[in-house]
């Protein structure tokens, strides 16, 4: 949930605290993002005063010890997406390792 907070999304330092060093994302366009490129893109476009992104239908499933698959639906300014991420527990706590979002009208 912290990654959806406008204050976190506008701070490269705060985002970096939650992204695994090996983080990758497949964007809705099909583009492959790495950790540094997604931090740069998100923080550049972020508005710390924006309304929070709404989340629904959140579910998590333990894949292995210290590895969780999280799914949810996000709605930010009328843009809905089905989202899937893999989080792994590290010495620094839970970090997002992989993420994919697919635009959705439902």
N, C-alpha and C. Protein backbone atom coordinates (compact mmCIF):
# COMPACT_ATOMS: atom_id res chain seq x y z
N UNK A 1 0.83 -1.19 0.00
CA UNK A 1 0.00 0.00 0.00
C UNK A 1 0.88 1.26 0.00
N UNK A 2 2.05 1.17 0.62
CA UNK A 2 2.93 2.35 0.65
C UNK A 2 3.34 2.78 -0.75
N UNK A 3 3.52 1.84 -1.67
CA UNK A 3 3.91 2.20 -3.03
C UNK A 3 2.82 2.97 -3.78
N UNK A 4 1.60 2.94 -3.28
CA UNK A 4 0.50 3.66 -3.91
C UNK A 4 0.28 5.04 -3.28
N UNK A 5 0.99 5.33 -2.21
CA UNK A 5 0.88 6.60 -1.51
C UNK A 5 1.55 7.70 -2.35
N UNK A 6 0.83 8.79 -2.67
CA UNK A 6 1.42 9.86 -3.48
C UNK A 6 2.73 10.41 -2.91
N UNK A 7 2.86 10.48 -1.60
CA UNK A 7 4.10 10.98 -1.00
C UNK A 7 5.28 10.03 -1.27
N UNK A 8 5.02 8.73 -1.26
CA UNK A 8 6.06 7.75 -1.56
C UNK A 8 6.39 7.79 -3.05
N UNK A 9 5.36 7.88 -3.89
CA UNK A 9 5.56 7.87 -5.34
C UNK A 9 6.32 9.10 -5.83
N UNK A 10 6.34 10.15 -5.04
CA UNK A 10 7.06 11.37 -5.44
C UNK A 10 8.48 11.41 -4.88
N UNK A 11 8.90 10.37 -4.17
CA UNK A 11 10.23 10.33 -3.56
C UNK A 11 11.03 9.12 -4.04
N UNK A 12 12.11 9.37 -4.76
CA UNK A 12 12.97 8.27 -5.22
C UNK A 12 13.53 7.50 -4.02
N UNK A 13 13.86 8.19 -2.96
CA UNK A 13 14.40 7.52 -1.77
C UNK A 13 13.38 6.57 -1.14
N UNK A 14 12.15 7.05 -0.96
CA UNK A 14 11.11 6.21 -0.35
C UNK A 14 10.73 5.04 -1.25
N UNK A 15 10.65 5.28 -2.56
CA UNK A 15 10.35 4.18 -3.47
C UNK A 15 11.48 3.15 -3.43
N UNK A 16 12.71 3.63 -3.42
CA UNK A 16 13.86 2.73 -3.40
C UNK A 16 13.90 1.83 -2.19
N UNK A 17 13.31 2.27 -1.09
CA UNK A 17 13.27 1.45 0.13
C UNK A 17 12.37 0.23 -0.04
N UNK A 18 11.46 0.26 -1.02
CA UNK A 18 10.48 -0.82 -1.19
C UNK A 18 10.74 -1.71 -2.40
N UNK A 19 11.64 -1.30 -3.28
CA UNK A 19 11.91 -2.07 -4.50
C UNK A 19 13.17 -2.91 -4.33
N UNK A 20 13.04 -4.19 -4.63
CA UNK A 20 14.16 -5.11 -4.59
C UNK A 20 15.24 -4.64 -5.58
N UNK A 21 16.52 -4.85 -5.27
CA UNK A 21 17.57 -4.46 -6.22
C UNK A 21 17.41 -5.12 -7.60
N UNK A 22 16.75 -6.27 -7.66
CA UNK A 22 16.54 -6.97 -8.93
C UNK A 22 15.14 -6.74 -9.52
N UNK A 23 14.45 -5.71 -9.03
CA UNK A 23 13.08 -5.42 -9.46
C UNK A 23 12.96 -5.29 -10.97
N UNK A 24 11.87 -5.86 -11.52
CA UNK A 24 11.48 -5.65 -12.91
C UNK A 24 9.97 -5.48 -12.96
N UNK A 25 9.51 -4.80 -14.00
CA UNK A 25 8.08 -4.61 -14.22
C UNK A 25 7.80 -4.72 -15.71
N UNK A 26 6.69 -5.36 -16.03
CA UNK A 26 6.18 -5.34 -17.39
C UNK A 26 5.02 -4.37 -17.40
N UNK A 27 5.17 -3.27 -18.10
CA UNK A 27 4.15 -2.24 -18.14
C UNK A 27 3.01 -2.61 -19.06
N UNK A 28 1.92 -1.85 -18.97
CA UNK A 28 0.75 -2.10 -19.80
C UNK A 28 1.08 -2.02 -21.29
N UNK A 29 2.10 -1.25 -21.64
CA UNK A 29 2.51 -1.11 -23.03
C UNK A 29 3.34 -2.30 -23.51
N UNK A 30 3.75 -3.14 -22.56
CA UNK A 30 4.65 -4.25 -22.90
C UNK A 30 6.10 -3.91 -22.63
N UNK A 31 6.36 -2.67 -22.26
CA UNK A 31 7.73 -2.24 -21.96
C UNK A 31 8.24 -2.93 -20.69
N UNK A 32 9.50 -3.32 -20.72
CA UNK A 32 10.15 -3.89 -19.55
C UNK A 32 10.90 -2.79 -18.81
N UNK A 33 10.57 -2.64 -17.55
CA UNK A 33 11.20 -1.62 -16.70
C UNK A 33 12.14 -2.28 -15.72
N UNK A 34 13.23 -1.61 -15.38
CA UNK A 34 14.08 -2.07 -14.29
C UNK A 34 13.90 -1.11 -13.12
N UNK A 35 14.59 -1.38 -12.05
CA UNK A 35 14.41 -0.62 -10.82
C UNK A 35 14.65 0.88 -11.03
N UNK A 36 15.78 1.22 -11.60
CA UNK A 36 16.12 2.65 -11.73
C UNK A 36 15.19 3.37 -12.70
N UNK A 37 14.80 2.71 -13.79
CA UNK A 37 13.94 3.39 -14.76
C UNK A 37 12.52 3.59 -14.21
N UNK A 38 12.00 2.65 -13.44
CA UNK A 38 10.65 2.83 -12.91
C UNK A 38 10.64 3.89 -11.81
N UNK A 39 11.68 3.92 -11.00
CA UNK A 39 11.76 4.97 -9.97
C UNK A 39 11.80 6.34 -10.64
N UNK A 40 12.62 6.49 -11.67
CA UNK A 40 12.72 7.78 -12.37
C UNK A 40 11.39 8.17 -13.00
N UNK A 41 10.74 7.24 -13.67
CA UNK A 41 9.48 7.55 -14.36
C UNK A 41 8.36 7.89 -13.38
N UNK A 42 8.22 7.11 -12.33
CA UNK A 42 7.12 7.33 -11.37
C UNK A 42 7.32 8.63 -10.61
N UNK A 43 8.53 8.87 -10.12
CA UNK A 43 8.76 10.09 -9.33
C UNK A 43 8.65 11.34 -10.19
N UNK A 44 9.01 11.25 -11.46
CA UNK A 44 8.91 12.41 -12.36
C UNK A 44 7.45 12.80 -12.57
N UNK A 45 6.57 11.81 -12.69
CA UNK A 45 5.15 12.07 -12.97
C UNK A 45 4.29 12.22 -11.72
N UNK A 46 4.84 11.94 -10.56
CA UNK A 46 4.04 11.90 -9.33
C UNK A 46 3.67 13.30 -8.84
N UNK A 47 2.49 13.38 -8.26
CA UNK A 47 2.00 14.60 -7.62
C UNK A 47 1.77 14.26 -6.15
N UNK A 48 2.62 14.78 -5.25
CA UNK A 48 2.47 14.42 -3.83
C UNK A 48 1.14 14.82 -3.23
N UNK A 49 0.41 15.72 -3.89
CA UNK A 49 -0.89 16.16 -3.39
C UNK A 49 -2.05 15.46 -4.08
N UNK A 50 -1.75 14.48 -4.92
CA UNK A 50 -2.81 13.75 -5.64
C UNK A 50 -3.62 12.90 -4.69
N UNK A 51 -4.83 12.59 -5.12
CA UNK A 51 -5.67 11.67 -4.33
C UNK A 51 -5.01 10.29 -4.34
N UNK A 52 -5.12 9.58 -3.24
CA UNK A 52 -4.54 8.23 -3.20
C UNK A 52 -5.18 7.32 -4.24
N UNK A 53 -4.42 6.35 -4.71
CA UNK A 53 -4.92 5.35 -5.64
C UNK A 53 -5.78 4.38 -4.85
N UNK A 54 -7.01 4.15 -5.32
CA UNK A 54 -7.91 3.22 -4.64
C UNK A 54 -7.55 1.79 -5.00
N UNK A 55 -7.74 0.90 -4.03
CA UNK A 55 -7.39 -0.52 -4.21
C UNK A 55 -8.57 -1.38 -3.78
N UNK A 56 -8.82 -2.44 -4.56
CA UNK A 56 -9.87 -3.39 -4.22
C UNK A 56 -9.45 -4.80 -4.61
N UNK A 57 -10.23 -5.75 -4.17
CA UNK A 57 -10.03 -7.16 -4.51
C UNK A 57 -8.60 -7.65 -4.23
N UNK A 58 -8.01 -7.18 -3.14
CA UNK A 58 -6.64 -7.57 -2.82
C UNK A 58 -6.61 -8.99 -2.27
N UNK A 59 -5.67 -9.77 -2.77
CA UNK A 59 -5.48 -11.14 -2.29
C UNK A 59 -4.00 -11.48 -2.36
N UNK A 60 -3.55 -12.23 -1.38
CA UNK A 60 -2.16 -12.67 -1.35
C UNK A 60 -2.09 -14.18 -1.22
N UNK A 61 -1.06 -14.74 -1.81
CA UNK A 61 -0.86 -16.18 -1.74
C UNK A 61 0.62 -16.45 -1.50
N UNK A 62 0.90 -17.25 -0.48
CA UNK A 62 2.26 -17.63 -0.17
C UNK A 62 2.73 -18.64 -1.22
N UNK A 63 3.78 -18.29 -1.96
CA UNK A 63 4.32 -19.18 -2.99
C UNK A 63 5.40 -20.10 -2.43
N UNK A 64 6.17 -19.57 -1.51
CA UNK A 64 7.26 -20.29 -0.86
C UNK A 64 7.61 -19.49 0.39
N UNK A 65 8.36 -20.06 1.31
CA UNK A 65 8.74 -19.27 2.48
C UNK A 65 9.41 -17.95 2.04
N UNK A 66 8.85 -16.84 2.48
CA UNK A 66 9.42 -15.54 2.16
C UNK A 66 9.09 -15.02 0.78
N UNK A 67 8.14 -15.64 0.07
CA UNK A 67 7.75 -15.18 -1.27
C UNK A 67 6.22 -15.16 -1.35
N UNK A 68 5.65 -13.99 -1.66
CA UNK A 68 4.20 -13.82 -1.72
C UNK A 68 3.80 -13.24 -3.07
N UNK A 69 2.72 -13.80 -3.63
CA UNK A 69 2.12 -13.26 -4.86
C UNK A 69 0.91 -12.45 -4.44
N UNK A 70 0.89 -11.18 -4.81
CA UNK A 70 -0.19 -10.26 -4.44
C UNK A 70 -0.93 -9.83 -5.71
N UNK A 71 -2.26 -9.90 -5.67
CA UNK A 71 -3.07 -9.39 -6.78
C UNK A 71 -4.07 -8.39 -6.23
N UNK A 72 -4.42 -7.40 -7.06
CA UNK A 72 -5.41 -6.41 -6.66
C UNK A 72 -5.84 -5.62 -7.88
N UNK A 73 -6.88 -4.81 -7.71
CA UNK A 73 -7.35 -3.90 -8.73
C UNK A 73 -7.11 -2.49 -8.23
N UNK A 74 -6.49 -1.67 -9.07
CA UNK A 74 -6.24 -0.28 -8.69
C UNK A 74 -7.12 0.64 -9.52
N UNK A 75 -7.43 1.80 -8.94
CA UNK A 75 -8.19 2.82 -9.66
C UNK A 75 -7.60 4.17 -9.26
N UNK A 76 -6.92 4.78 -10.20
CA UNK A 76 -6.32 6.10 -9.99
C UNK A 76 -6.81 7.06 -11.05
N UNK A 77 -7.57 8.04 -10.65
CA UNK A 77 -8.11 9.03 -11.59
C UNK A 77 -8.90 8.37 -12.72
N UNK A 78 -9.66 7.34 -12.40
CA UNK A 78 -10.48 6.67 -13.40
C UNK A 78 -9.74 5.65 -14.24
N UNK A 79 -8.47 5.47 -14.01
CA UNK A 79 -7.68 4.46 -14.73
C UNK A 79 -7.62 3.20 -13.88
N UNK A 80 -8.35 2.18 -14.30
CA UNK A 80 -8.39 0.91 -13.57
C UNK A 80 -7.39 -0.07 -14.17
N UNK A 81 -6.81 -0.89 -13.31
CA UNK A 81 -5.89 -1.92 -13.78
C UNK A 81 -5.93 -3.10 -12.83
N UNK A 82 -5.79 -4.28 -13.38
CA UNK A 82 -5.57 -5.49 -12.59
C UNK A 82 -4.07 -5.62 -12.42
N UNK A 83 -3.65 -5.83 -11.19
CA UNK A 83 -2.22 -5.81 -10.87
C UNK A 83 -1.78 -7.10 -10.20
N UNK A 84 -0.55 -7.46 -10.47
CA UNK A 84 0.04 -8.68 -9.92
C UNK A 84 1.48 -8.36 -9.55
N UNK A 85 1.87 -8.71 -8.35
CA UNK A 85 3.25 -8.47 -7.94
C UNK A 85 3.75 -9.62 -7.08
N UNK A 86 5.04 -9.78 -7.12
CA UNK A 86 5.71 -10.78 -6.29
C UNK A 86 6.61 -10.03 -5.32
N UNK A 87 6.42 -10.34 -4.06
CA UNK A 87 7.20 -9.73 -2.97
C UNK A 87 8.05 -10.81 -2.33
N UNK A 88 9.27 -10.42 -1.96
CA UNK A 88 10.09 -11.38 -1.23
C UNK A 88 10.66 -10.73 0.02
N UNK A 89 10.78 -11.57 1.05
CA UNK A 89 11.29 -11.08 2.32
C UNK A 89 12.81 -11.12 2.30
N UNK A 90 13.42 -10.00 2.66
CA UNK A 90 14.87 -9.88 2.66
C UNK A 90 15.34 -9.39 4.02
N UNK A 91 16.62 -9.18 4.15
CA UNK A 91 17.16 -8.63 5.39
C UNK A 91 16.60 -7.23 5.66
N UNK A 92 16.17 -6.53 4.61
CA UNK A 92 15.62 -5.18 4.74
C UNK A 92 14.11 -5.19 4.92
N UNK A 93 13.49 -6.37 4.93
CA UNK A 93 12.03 -6.47 5.05
C UNK A 93 11.44 -6.93 3.73
N UNK A 94 10.12 -6.70 3.55
CA UNK A 94 9.43 -7.12 2.33
C UNK A 94 9.71 -6.12 1.22
N UNK A 95 10.20 -6.63 0.08
CA UNK A 95 10.50 -5.80 -1.09
C UNK A 95 9.79 -6.37 -2.31
N UNK A 96 9.33 -5.48 -3.17
CA UNK A 96 8.67 -5.92 -4.39
C UNK A 96 9.75 -6.32 -5.41
N UNK A 97 9.61 -7.53 -5.91
CA UNK A 97 10.58 -8.12 -6.83
C UNK A 97 10.11 -8.02 -8.29
N UNK A 98 8.79 -8.16 -8.51
CA UNK A 98 8.23 -8.13 -9.86
C UNK A 98 6.83 -7.54 -9.81
N UNK A 99 6.46 -6.83 -10.88
CA UNK A 99 5.13 -6.23 -10.94
C UNK A 99 4.64 -6.21 -12.38
N UNK A 100 3.34 -6.42 -12.56
CA UNK A 100 2.71 -6.24 -13.86
C UNK A 100 1.32 -5.68 -13.66
N UNK A 101 0.97 -4.69 -14.48
CA UNK A 101 -0.36 -4.11 -14.45
C UNK A 101 -0.99 -4.17 -15.82
N UNK A 102 -2.26 -4.55 -15.87
CA UNK A 102 -2.98 -4.66 -17.13
C UNK A 102 -4.22 -3.78 -17.05
N UNK A 103 -4.37 -2.81 -17.96
CA UNK A 103 -5.56 -1.96 -17.94
C UNK A 103 -6.84 -2.81 -17.96
N UNK A 104 -7.86 -2.32 -17.25
CA UNK A 104 -9.11 -3.06 -17.13
C UNK A 104 -10.28 -2.09 -17.09
N UNK A 105 -11.36 -2.48 -17.73
CA UNK A 105 -12.57 -1.65 -17.66
C UNK A 105 -13.52 -2.17 -16.59
N UNK A 106 -13.20 -3.34 -16.01
CA UNK A 106 -14.09 -3.92 -15.00
C UNK A 106 -13.41 -4.02 -13.65
